[in-house]
């Protein structure tokens, strides 16, 4: 099997996501004055759900993190209460995907803790956790909730072990002991029946988590792996890392045959870690560089070229980590398909970044919002431990759609013009970092500009019609 290198003359493929753009939140939508941790551990130090934002902070005498309601933006009081029960630095935090008030944390003190946050957030410092889980002999660097079962939590420590915790009993249900070095990343597939891991021993593994059996293993000699993520139901696994020439690289694998990667693509020569985020609903892959302000995004397919470069969001403010809002927390009426919460350490700032499909939003856009994994678990802990696998319980986002007001329409009009200008200035102001990306962008320009101009004209005409109707209604009501 030969590895596919990205072509010098990429083929153009139409996509409804080709004009997706990143929109930074206004100052009023940011969280300011946060003493974000300066720890150099390769973690996001941030987690978000529809109710709360959690950020790991600097603290003396142990680890702590803030819990802030997502609607309470603005400057954060220096004495704002914290979760501060750990005896060492907090290295990772994750919200339970099915319980908005339950968050897990792990620390250098070798423990994993489960916290129950009160309704409305903290009113005083929280030092007592709902559950303390001890089983690792060294510090714990990673935690991950099961995607369809709310009572299963995985933790990976510097003792090279992965523990599967039954949070209903507080006991480890399984110890996975197949790694010869520290585990760098863990990723479940869609129904939680498989676990992909990357490790400092530079091996990619596909594991059956309940038995701990390694089903597939790759020794990546030309690709130093950092992060790994399952690509939904595509039977593919994607890794980010560094090539033998010390350039940042992304690699695609067949999860059933890791003998050879499907494709390898070099991104750039920067040194920061590449964090991958995959959206199974839109089949979009986001690559965010740690220490820089760039987020590249691609559309993933099961056919060549597999990864279709779309565009890049750029910001001068470097990101330390990124939290991701669940789908049911997005602004469906604004055609928002993804939202990051970006940690900017030097400014003590948490900034939302919305990825938006620029189109009229006067009706629910069903093609960009298919049925998505919801907030209800698909099976119990007992069922999963007994060998049952079940996909996520799906939900429609239509219930979250709100008809935009005339003010929203005028705002959308201005944003549409901004998108058009972004398209016109793309080559000048946002130069791609590789020749490959430059060619891809160049071959799309004429069609993309025509589409943007046509879309802007249609948007203006629609807004004029709506404003005229609104004017007529006001006159008739007098």
Protein backbone atom coordinates (compact mmCIF):
# COMPACT_ATOMS: atom_id res chain seq x y z
CA UNK A 1 0.00 0.00 0.00
CA UNK A 2 1.53 3.33 -1.05
CA UNK A 3 1.15 6.54 0.91
CA UNK A 4 -0.73 9.24 -0.95
CA UNK A 5 1.10 12.56 -1.08
CA UNK A 6 -0.99 15.68 -1.61
CA UNK A 7 -1.00 16.71 -5.29
CA UNK A 8 0.67 19.90 -6.54
CA UNK A 9 -2.42 20.62 -8.62
CA UNK A 10 -5.34 19.92 -6.27
CA UNK A 11 -8.73 19.13 -7.70
CA UNK A 12 -11.57 21.54 -6.99
CA UNK A 13 -14.61 20.07 -5.29
CA UNK A 14 -17.77 21.97 -4.51
CA UNK A 15 -18.79 22.06 -0.86
CA UNK A 16 -21.37 23.93 1.20
CA UNK A 17 -18.65 24.56 3.79
CA UNK A 18 -16.06 26.07 1.45
CA UNK A 19 -16.86 29.61 2.66
CA UNK A 20 -17.02 28.91 6.39
CA UNK A 21 -15.32 31.73 8.28
CA UNK A 22 -14.16 32.27 11.86
CA UNK A 23 -15.67 35.13 13.85
CA UNK A 24 -14.03 36.33 17.07
CA UNK A 25 -16.30 37.28 19.93
CA UNK A 26 -16.63 40.94 20.87
CA UNK A 27 -15.02 42.21 24.05
CA UNK A 28 -18.40 41.92 25.81
CA UNK A 29 -18.55 38.20 24.91
CA UNK A 30 -15.10 37.39 26.36
CA UNK A 31 -14.03 36.41 29.87
CA UNK A 32 -11.27 38.72 31.13
CA UNK A 33 -8.90 38.90 34.09
CA UNK A 34 -8.42 35.13 34.47
CA UNK A 35 -5.06 33.92 35.92
CA UNK A 36 -4.71 31.10 33.36
CA UNK A 37 -2.23 28.40 34.36
CA UNK A 38 1.31 28.65 33.00
CA UNK A 39 1.79 24.88 33.20
CA UNK A 40 3.48 23.52 30.06
CA UNK A 41 1.62 20.18 30.06
CA UNK A 42 0.09 19.44 26.63
CA UNK A 43 -3.53 19.89 27.63
CA UNK A 44 -6.28 22.37 26.80
CA UNK A 45 -6.74 23.48 30.45
CA UNK A 46 -10.27 24.41 29.46
CA UNK A 47 -13.66 22.67 29.21
CA UNK A 48 -17.07 24.06 28.32
CA UNK A 49 -20.69 22.94 28.19
CA UNK A 50 -23.97 24.79 27.70
CA UNK A 51 -23.98 26.03 31.32
CA UNK A 52 -20.40 26.44 32.52
CA UNK A 53 -16.88 27.31 31.43
CA UNK A 54 -14.05 25.69 33.38
CA UNK A 55 -10.46 27.03 33.26
CA UNK A 56 -7.38 25.73 35.08
CA UNK A 57 -5.70 28.61 36.94
CA UNK A 58 -2.45 29.50 38.64
CA UNK A 59 -2.54 28.78 42.35
CA UNK A 60 -0.22 28.30 45.29
CA UNK A 61 -0.16 25.14 47.38
CA UNK A 62 -2.13 22.93 45.00
CA UNK A 63 -4.19 22.89 41.84
CA UNK A 64 -7.37 24.82 41.18
CA UNK A 65 -9.78 25.74 38.42
CA UNK A 66 -12.55 28.26 37.88
CA UNK A 67 -16.16 27.42 37.07
CA UNK A 68 -17.92 30.37 35.42
CA UNK A 69 -21.49 30.38 34.02
CA UNK A 70 -21.17 30.83 30.24
CA UNK A 71 -23.64 33.74 30.27
CA UNK A 72 -21.63 35.72 32.86
CA UNK A 73 -19.08 37.23 30.50
CA UNK A 74 -16.82 40.19 31.21
CA UNK A 75 -14.14 40.76 33.80
CA UNK A 76 -13.80 38.04 36.44
CA UNK A 77 -13.29 39.08 40.05
CA UNK A 78 -9.77 38.16 41.31
CA UNK A 79 -11.41 36.56 44.37
CA UNK A 80 -13.93 34.55 42.34
CA UNK A 81 -14.43 31.15 44.08
CA UNK A 82 -12.52 28.16 42.73
CA UNK A 83 -12.47 24.38 42.84
CA UNK A 84 -9.29 23.81 44.83
CA UNK A 85 -9.25 20.34 46.39
CA UNK A 86 -6.22 18.88 44.57
CA UNK A 87 -2.82 18.80 46.26
CA UNK A 88 -0.92 19.25 42.98
CA UNK A 89 -1.30 21.05 39.68
CA UNK A 90 -4.46 20.19 37.74
CA UNK A 91 -3.47 18.74 34.34
CA UNK A 92 -6.82 18.03 32.65
CA UNK A 93 -10.55 18.72 33.15
CA UNK A 94 -13.58 17.29 31.31
CA UNK A 95 -17.34 17.83 31.72
CA UNK A 96 -19.58 14.80 31.82
CA UNK A 97 -21.33 14.91 28.40
CA UNK A 98 -24.67 13.85 29.94
CA UNK A 99 -24.68 15.72 33.27
CA UNK A 100 -24.13 19.48 33.04
CA UNK A 101 -23.10 19.84 36.68
CA UNK A 102 -20.55 16.99 36.83
CA UNK A 103 -16.89 17.63 35.97
CA UNK A 104 -13.83 15.38 36.33
CA UNK A 105 -10.27 16.55 36.96
CA UNK A 106 -6.88 14.89 37.24
CA UNK A 107 -3.70 16.13 38.82
CA UNK A 108 -0.04 15.73 39.67
CA UNK A 109 -1.20 14.41 43.07
CA UNK A 110 -1.95 11.03 41.33
CA UNK A 111 -5.70 11.37 41.82
CA UNK A 112 -8.80 11.73 39.67
CA UNK A 113 -11.71 13.60 41.23
CA UNK A 114 -15.37 14.05 40.35
CA UNK A 115 -17.01 17.35 41.31
CA UNK A 116 -20.68 18.29 41.49
CA UNK A 117 -21.14 21.99 40.71
CA UNK A 118 -24.17 23.73 42.32
CA UNK A 119 -26.89 25.25 40.15
CA UNK A 120 -25.80 28.76 39.13
CA UNK A 121 -22.10 28.08 39.84
CA UNK A 122 -19.86 28.40 42.88
CA UNK A 123 -20.55 30.85 45.69
CA UNK A 124 -17.49 29.86 47.73
CA UNK A 125 -14.33 27.81 47.23
CA UNK A 126 -15.05 24.11 46.74
CA UNK A 127 -12.57 21.77 48.42
CA UNK A 128 -14.68 18.63 48.87
CA UNK A 129 -15.17 16.47 45.78
CA UNK A 130 -18.07 14.10 45.24
CA UNK A 131 -15.62 11.26 44.56
CA UNK A 132 -11.85 10.68 44.77
CA UNK A 133 -10.35 7.98 42.55
CA UNK A 134 -6.91 6.60 43.43
CA UNK A 135 -5.20 3.95 41.34
CA UNK A 136 -2.26 5.54 39.55
CA UNK A 137 1.23 5.47 41.03
CA UNK A 138 2.35 8.62 39.21
CA UNK A 139 0.71 11.86 38.12
CA UNK A 140 -2.40 11.63 35.97
CA UNK A 141 -2.24 13.64 32.74
CA UNK A 142 -5.37 12.70 30.78
CA UNK A 143 -9.03 11.91 31.40
CA UNK A 144 -11.81 11.04 28.93
CA UNK A 145 -15.52 10.31 29.40
CA UNK A 146 -17.17 7.49 27.46
CA UNK A 147 -19.21 8.98 24.56
CA UNK A 148 -22.44 6.99 25.12
CA UNK A 149 -22.29 5.84 28.78
CA UNK A 150 -22.28 8.52 31.49
CA UNK A 151 -20.74 6.41 34.26
CA UNK A 152 -17.49 5.38 32.55
CA UNK A 153 -14.37 7.53 32.83
CA UNK A 154 -10.87 6.78 31.55
CA UNK A 155 -7.66 8.16 33.04
CA UNK A 156 -4.08 7.89 31.75
CA UNK A 157 -1.14 8.37 34.08
CA UNK A 158 2.61 8.78 33.80
CA UNK A 159 2.82 5.19 35.07
CA UNK A 160 1.94 4.20 31.44
CA UNK A 161 -1.41 2.73 32.53
CA UNK A 162 -4.98 3.56 31.50
CA UNK A 163 -7.64 2.95 34.16
CA UNK A 164 -11.33 2.54 33.29
CA UNK A 165 -13.37 3.84 36.23
CA UNK A 166 -16.93 2.92 37.14
CA UNK A 167 -17.99 6.25 38.66
CA UNK A 168 -21.10 4.68 40.18
CA UNK A 169 -18.94 2.56 42.50
CA UNK A 170 -15.68 4.55 42.49
CA UNK A 171 -13.69 1.45 41.57
CA UNK A 172 -11.52 0.72 38.50
CA UNK A 173 -13.33 -1.72 36.20
CA UNK A 174 -10.25 -2.42 34.06
CA UNK A 175 -6.54 -1.58 33.85
CA UNK A 176 -5.08 -1.30 30.33
CA UNK A 177 -1.38 -2.05 30.62
CA UNK A 178 -0.11 -2.34 27.04
CA UNK A 179 1.90 0.88 26.75
CA UNK A 180 5.65 1.01 27.24
CA UNK A 181 5.76 4.79 27.72
CA UNK A 182 3.52 7.70 28.73
CA UNK A 183 0.15 7.92 26.94
CA UNK A 184 -0.14 11.27 25.11
CA UNK A 185 -3.72 11.11 23.83
CA UNK A 186 -6.87 8.95 23.95
CA UNK A 187 -9.86 9.01 21.60
CA UNK A 188 -13.05 6.91 21.57
CA UNK A 189 -14.85 5.98 18.39
CA UNK A 190 -18.52 6.99 17.99
CA UNK A 191 -20.10 4.22 20.11
CA UNK A 192 -17.20 3.81 22.53
CA UNK A 193 -16.34 0.25 21.46
CA UNK A 194 -12.79 1.17 20.39
CA UNK A 195 -10.07 3.34 21.88
CA UNK A 196 -7.21 4.89 19.90
CA UNK A 197 -4.09 5.96 21.80
CA UNK A 198 -0.80 7.68 21.02
CA UNK A 199 2.21 7.27 23.24
CA UNK A 200 5.75 8.53 23.77
CA UNK A 201 6.94 5.15 22.47
CA UNK A 202 5.75 6.56 19.07
CA UNK A 203 3.16 3.84 18.52
CA UNK A 204 -0.43 4.24 17.46
CA UNK A 205 -2.74 1.63 18.97
CA UNK A 206 -6.37 0.63 18.46
CA UNK A 207 -7.59 -1.06 21.66
CA UNK A 208 -10.73 -2.91 22.70
CA UNK A 209 -11.14 -1.08 26.04
CA UNK A 210 -13.09 -3.68 28.06
CA UNK A 211 -10.55 -6.45 27.44
CA UNK A 212 -7.49 -4.24 26.98
CA UNK A 213 -6.60 -6.18 23.82
CA UNK A 214 -4.57 -4.32 21.18
CA UNK A 215 -6.36 -4.89 17.85
CA UNK A 216 -4.04 -2.81 15.64
CA UNK A 217 -0.65 -1.23 16.25
CA UNK A 218 1.63 0.97 14.14
CA UNK A 219 5.26 1.87 14.78
CA UNK A 220 5.47 5.34 13.27
CA UNK A 221 9.12 5.75 12.37
CA UNK A 222 8.68 8.71 10.00
CA UNK A 223 5.90 10.42 11.93
CA UNK A 224 6.32 11.35 15.58
CA UNK A 225 2.74 11.20 16.87
CA UNK A 226 1.29 13.62 19.40
CA UNK A 227 -2.50 13.58 19.03
CA UNK A 228 -5.03 11.08 17.68
CA UNK A 229 -8.75 11.33 16.88
CA UNK A 230 -11.34 8.96 15.41
CA UNK A 231 -13.14 10.41 12.38
CA UNK A 232 -16.71 9.47 13.24
CA UNK A 233 -18.06 6.46 11.33
CA UNK A 234 -15.56 6.75 8.48
CA UNK A 235 -13.39 3.88 9.80
CA UNK A 236 -10.46 6.29 9.76
CA UNK A 237 -8.12 7.58 12.45
CA UNK A 238 -6.21 10.84 12.13
CA UNK A 239 -3.00 11.74 13.92
CA UNK A 240 -1.03 14.96 14.21
CA UNK A 241 2.65 15.10 14.93
CA UNK A 242 6.08 15.92 13.53
CA UNK A 243 7.78 14.55 10.42
CA UNK A 244 11.38 13.40 10.22
CA UNK A 245 12.22 16.91 8.93
CA UNK A 246 10.68 18.50 12.06
CA UNK A 247 7.69 19.95 10.21
CA UNK A 248 4.18 19.70 11.64
CA UNK A 249 2.32 16.89 9.95
CA UNK A 250 -1.14 15.32 9.75
CA UNK A 251 -1.59 11.65 8.85
CA UNK A 252 -4.69 9.61 8.00
CA UNK A 253 -4.96 5.89 8.82
CA UNK A 254 -7.34 3.02 8.13
CA UNK A 255 -8.41 1.89 11.62
CA UNK A 256 -8.53 -1.76 10.46
CA UNK A 257 -5.04 -1.72 8.91
CA UNK A 258 -2.31 0.46 10.44
CA UNK A 259 0.48 -1.08 8.38
CA UNK A 260 0.72 2.07 6.23
CA UNK A 261 -0.90 5.51 6.44
CA UNK A 262 -3.42 6.49 3.77
CA UNK A 263 -2.07 10.01 3.37
CA UNK A 264 0.54 12.22 4.98
CA UNK A 265 0.51 15.99 4.65
CA UNK A 266 3.04 18.46 5.99
CA UNK A 267 1.44 21.60 7.41
CA UNK A 268 4.21 24.07 8.28
CA UNK A 269 7.52 24.44 10.07
CA UNK A 270 6.22 25.80 13.38
CA UNK A 271 7.05 23.96 16.58
CA UNK A 272 3.78 24.13 18.52
CA UNK A 273 1.59 21.10 19.02
CA UNK A 274 -1.30 20.64 16.55
CA UNK A 275 -4.64 19.96 18.26
CA UNK A 276 -7.16 18.15 15.99
CA UNK A 277 -10.94 18.64 16.39
CA UNK A 278 -13.38 16.66 14.28
CA UNK A 279 -17.04 17.51 13.70
CA UNK A 280 -18.83 14.33 12.59
CA UNK A 281 -21.95 16.29 11.55
CA UNK A 282 -20.23 18.49 8.96
CA UNK A 283 -17.23 16.16 8.35
CA UNK A 284 -14.98 19.12 9.07
CA UNK A 285 -11.54 18.81 10.67
CA UNK A 286 -10.03 21.75 12.55
CA UNK A 287 -6.27 21.92 13.23
CA UNK A 288 -5.31 24.44 15.91
CA UNK A 289 -1.69 25.20 16.71
CA UNK A 290 -0.65 25.57 20.32
CA UNK A 291 1.37 28.75 20.75
CA UNK A 292 0.07 30.36 17.56
CA UNK A 293 -3.29 31.89 16.68
CA UNK A 294 -4.10 29.80 13.60
CA UNK A 295 -6.96 27.35 13.06
CA UNK A 296 -6.94 25.57 9.69
CA UNK A 297 -10.00 23.68 8.61
CA UNK A 298 -10.60 20.92 6.12
CA UNK A 299 -13.45 18.81 4.84
CA UNK A 300 -12.89 15.07 5.26
CA UNK A 301 -14.16 12.51 2.75
CA UNK A 302 -13.76 8.77 2.15
CA UNK A 303 -12.36 9.37 -1.33
CA UNK A 304 -9.28 11.13 -2.67
CA UNK A 305 -7.96 13.63 -1.76
CA UNK A 306 -9.50 12.68 1.65
CA UNK A 307 -8.57 16.05 3.22
CA UNK A 308 -9.88 19.05 1.26
CA UNK A 309 -8.37 22.29 2.55
CA UNK A 310 -11.04 24.97 3.06
CA UNK A 311 -9.59 28.02 4.76
CA UNK A 312 -7.67 29.30 7.77
CA UNK A 313 -8.66 31.49 10.68
CA UNK A 314 -5.79 33.63 11.91
CA UNK A 315 -5.27 35.71 15.00
CA UNK A 316 -2.14 37.44 16.38
CA UNK A 317 -2.98 36.24 19.92
CA UNK A 318 -1.42 32.80 20.63
CA UNK A 319 -3.70 30.11 22.05
CA UNK A 320 -2.72 27.95 25.02
CA UNK A 321 -5.73 25.68 24.73
CA UNK A 322 -9.23 25.45 23.29
CA UNK A 323 -12.56 24.34 24.70
CA UNK A 324 -15.40 23.25 22.39
CA UNK A 325 -19.08 24.02 22.94
CA UNK A 326 -21.46 21.03 22.47
CA UNK A 327 -23.64 21.21 19.38
CA UNK A 328 -26.84 22.07 21.24
CA UNK A 329 -25.14 25.18 22.66
CA UNK A 330 -24.51 26.76 19.25
CA UNK A 331 -26.40 29.66 17.71
CA UNK A 332 -28.42 27.72 15.13
CA UNK A 333 -30.17 30.83 13.78
CA UNK A 334 -26.78 32.38 12.91
CA UNK A 335 -25.66 29.21 11.05
CA UNK A 336 -22.89 28.60 13.60
CA UNK A 337 -21.48 25.08 13.10
CA UNK A 338 -18.63 25.05 15.67
CA UNK A 339 -17.48 27.21 18.56
CA UNK A 340 -14.12 27.34 20.29
CA UNK A 341 -13.24 29.00 23.59
CA UNK A 342 -9.65 30.15 23.23
CA UNK A 343 -7.28 30.66 26.18
CA UNK A 344 -4.93 33.64 25.76
CA UNK A 345 -2.51 33.43 28.69
CA UNK A 346 -0.74 36.79 28.31
CA UNK A 347 -4.03 38.70 28.38
CA UNK A 348 -5.78 36.46 30.92
CA UNK A 349 -8.53 36.19 28.33
CA UNK A 350 -10.97 33.51 27.18
CA UNK A 351 -12.31 34.40 23.75
CA UNK A 352 -15.12 32.64 21.83
CA UNK A 353 -14.46 31.91 18.15
CA UNK A 354 -17.51 30.94 16.08
CA UNK A 355 -17.24 29.06 12.79
CA UNK A 356 -20.13 30.28 10.63
CA UNK A 357 -21.60 29.21 7.29
CA UNK A 358 -22.39 32.52 5.52
CA UNK A 359 -25.93 32.11 4.24
CA UNK A 360 -29.45 33.43 4.80
CA UNK A 361 -30.74 32.18 8.14
CA UNK A 362 -34.44 33.11 7.94
CA UNK A 363 -35.27 29.39 8.14
CA UNK A 364 -33.75 26.31 9.75
CA UNK A 365 -30.76 25.07 7.71
CA UNK A 366 -31.32 21.32 7.86
CA UNK A 367 -28.46 20.43 5.50
CA UNK A 368 -25.81 21.84 7.86
CA UNK A 369 -27.54 20.61 11.02
CA UNK A 370 -28.23 16.88 10.62
CA UNK A 371 -29.34 14.74 13.56
CA UNK A 372 -26.54 14.95 16.11
CA UNK A 373 -25.38 13.14 19.26
CA UNK A 374 -27.55 14.45 22.08
CA UNK A 375 -27.31 14.90 25.83
CA UNK A 376 -28.87 11.55 26.82
CA UNK A 377 -26.75 8.41 27.47
CA UNK A 378 -27.42 5.41 25.25
CA UNK A 379 -26.66 2.68 27.80
CA UNK A 380 -25.91 2.03 31.46
CA UNK A 381 -22.57 1.20 33.04
CA UNK A 382 -23.69 -2.40 33.62
CA UNK A 383 -24.67 -2.81 29.97
CA UNK A 384 -21.38 -1.44 28.67
CA UNK A 385 -19.25 -3.52 31.03
CA UNK A 386 -21.19 -6.65 29.99
CA UNK A 387 -20.20 -6.07 26.34
CA UNK A 388 -23.10 -4.04 24.91
CA UNK A 389 -22.24 -1.30 22.41
CA UNK A 390 -24.75 1.28 21.31
CA UNK A 391 -24.42 4.44 19.23
CA UNK A 392 -25.32 7.86 20.62
CA UNK A 393 -28.92 8.95 21.10
CA UNK A 394 -29.52 11.42 18.28
CA UNK A 395 -31.40 14.70 18.51
CA UNK A 396 -32.47 17.49 16.16
CA UNK A 397 -31.18 21.03 16.68
CA UNK A 398 -34.35 22.49 15.19
CA UNK A 399 -35.75 23.08 18.68
CA UNK A 400 -32.88 25.53 19.25
CA UNK A 401 -33.59 27.58 16.14
CA UNK A 402 -34.79 31.15 16.71
CA UNK A 403 -36.22 33.32 13.94
CA UNK A 404 -33.77 36.22 13.43
CA UNK A 405 -35.11 39.71 14.14
CA UNK A 406 -34.78 42.67 11.78
CA UNK A 407 -31.76 43.79 13.84
CA UNK A 408 -30.17 40.38 13.34
CA UNK A 409 -30.85 40.69 9.60
CA UNK A 410 -29.05 44.03 9.43
CA UNK A 411 -26.16 42.56 11.41
CA UNK A 412 -26.11 39.59 9.05
CA UNK A 413 -25.99 42.04 6.13
CA UNK A 414 -22.87 43.70 7.53
CA UNK A 415 -21.28 40.33 8.23
CA UNK A 416 -22.07 39.21 4.70
CA UNK A 417 -20.19 42.21 3.35
CA UNK A 418 -17.29 41.43 5.68
CA UNK A 419 -17.19 37.85 4.37
CA UNK A 420 -17.18 39.14 0.80
CA UNK A 421 -14.27 41.47 1.61
CA UNK A 422 -12.48 38.59 3.31
CA UNK A 423 -12.83 36.59 0.11
CA UNK A 424 -11.54 39.51 -1.98
CA UNK A 425 -8.54 40.04 0.28
CA UNK A 426 -7.82 36.37 0.89
CA UNK A 427 -4.60 36.12 -1.09
CA UNK A 428 -3.23 39.45 0.14
CA UNK A 429 -4.07 39.32 3.84
CA UNK A 430 -4.23 35.60 4.63
CA UNK A 431 -1.40 33.98 2.68
CA UNK A 432 -1.36 30.19 3.13
CA UNK A 433 1.76 28.88 4.78
CA UNK A 434 2.59 26.16 2.28
CA UNK A 435 2.82 26.17 -1.51
CA UNK A 436 0.27 23.37 -1.56
CA UNK A 437 -2.30 25.49 0.25
CA UNK A 438 -1.46 28.51 -1.93
CA UNK A 439 -2.26 26.51 -5.05
CA UNK A 440 -5.51 25.21 -3.58
CA UNK A 441 -6.59 28.71 -2.63
CA UNK A 442 -5.55 30.14 -6.00
CA UNK A 443 -7.56 27.62 -8.02
CA UNK A 444 -10.68 28.40 -5.97
CA UNK A 445 -10.53 32.18 -6.16
CA UNK A 446 -12.57 32.99 -9.27
CA UNK A 447 -15.46 30.66 -8.43
CA UNK A 448 -15.35 31.70 -4.79
CA UNK A 449 -15.52 35.42 -5.56
CA UNK A 450 -18.43 34.91 -7.97
CA UNK A 451 -20.26 32.94 -5.30
CA UNK A 452 -19.62 35.58 -2.65
CA UNK A 453 -20.83 38.42 -4.88
CA UNK A 454 -23.95 36.49 -5.85
CA UNK A 455 -24.63 35.61 -2.22
CA UNK A 456 -24.20 39.23 -1.14
CA UNK A 457 -26.61 40.43 -3.84
CA UNK A 458 -29.23 37.84 -2.83
CA UNK A 459 -28.79 38.72 0.84
CA UNK A 460 -29.27 42.44 0.19
CA UNK A 461 -32.36 41.81 -1.94
CA UNK A 462 -33.89 39.54 0.73
CA UNK A 463 -33.25 42.09 3.48
CA UNK A 464 -34.81 44.87 1.41
CA UNK A 465 -37.89 42.70 0.91
CA UNK A 466 -38.17 41.93 4.61
CA UNK A 467 -37.71 45.57 5.59
CA UNK A 468 -40.42 46.58 3.11
CA UNK A 469 -42.79 43.95 4.53
CA UNK A 470 -42.03 45.15 8.05
CA UNK A 471 -42.72 48.74 6.99
CA UNK A 472 -46.05 47.73 5.43
CA UNK A 473 -47.07 45.82 8.52
CA UNK A 474 -46.37 48.84 10.71
CA UNK A 475 -48.43 51.09 8.43
CA UNK A 476 -51.36 48.66 8.36
CA UNK A 477 -51.38 48.34 12.13
CA UNK A 478 -51.75 52.11 12.63
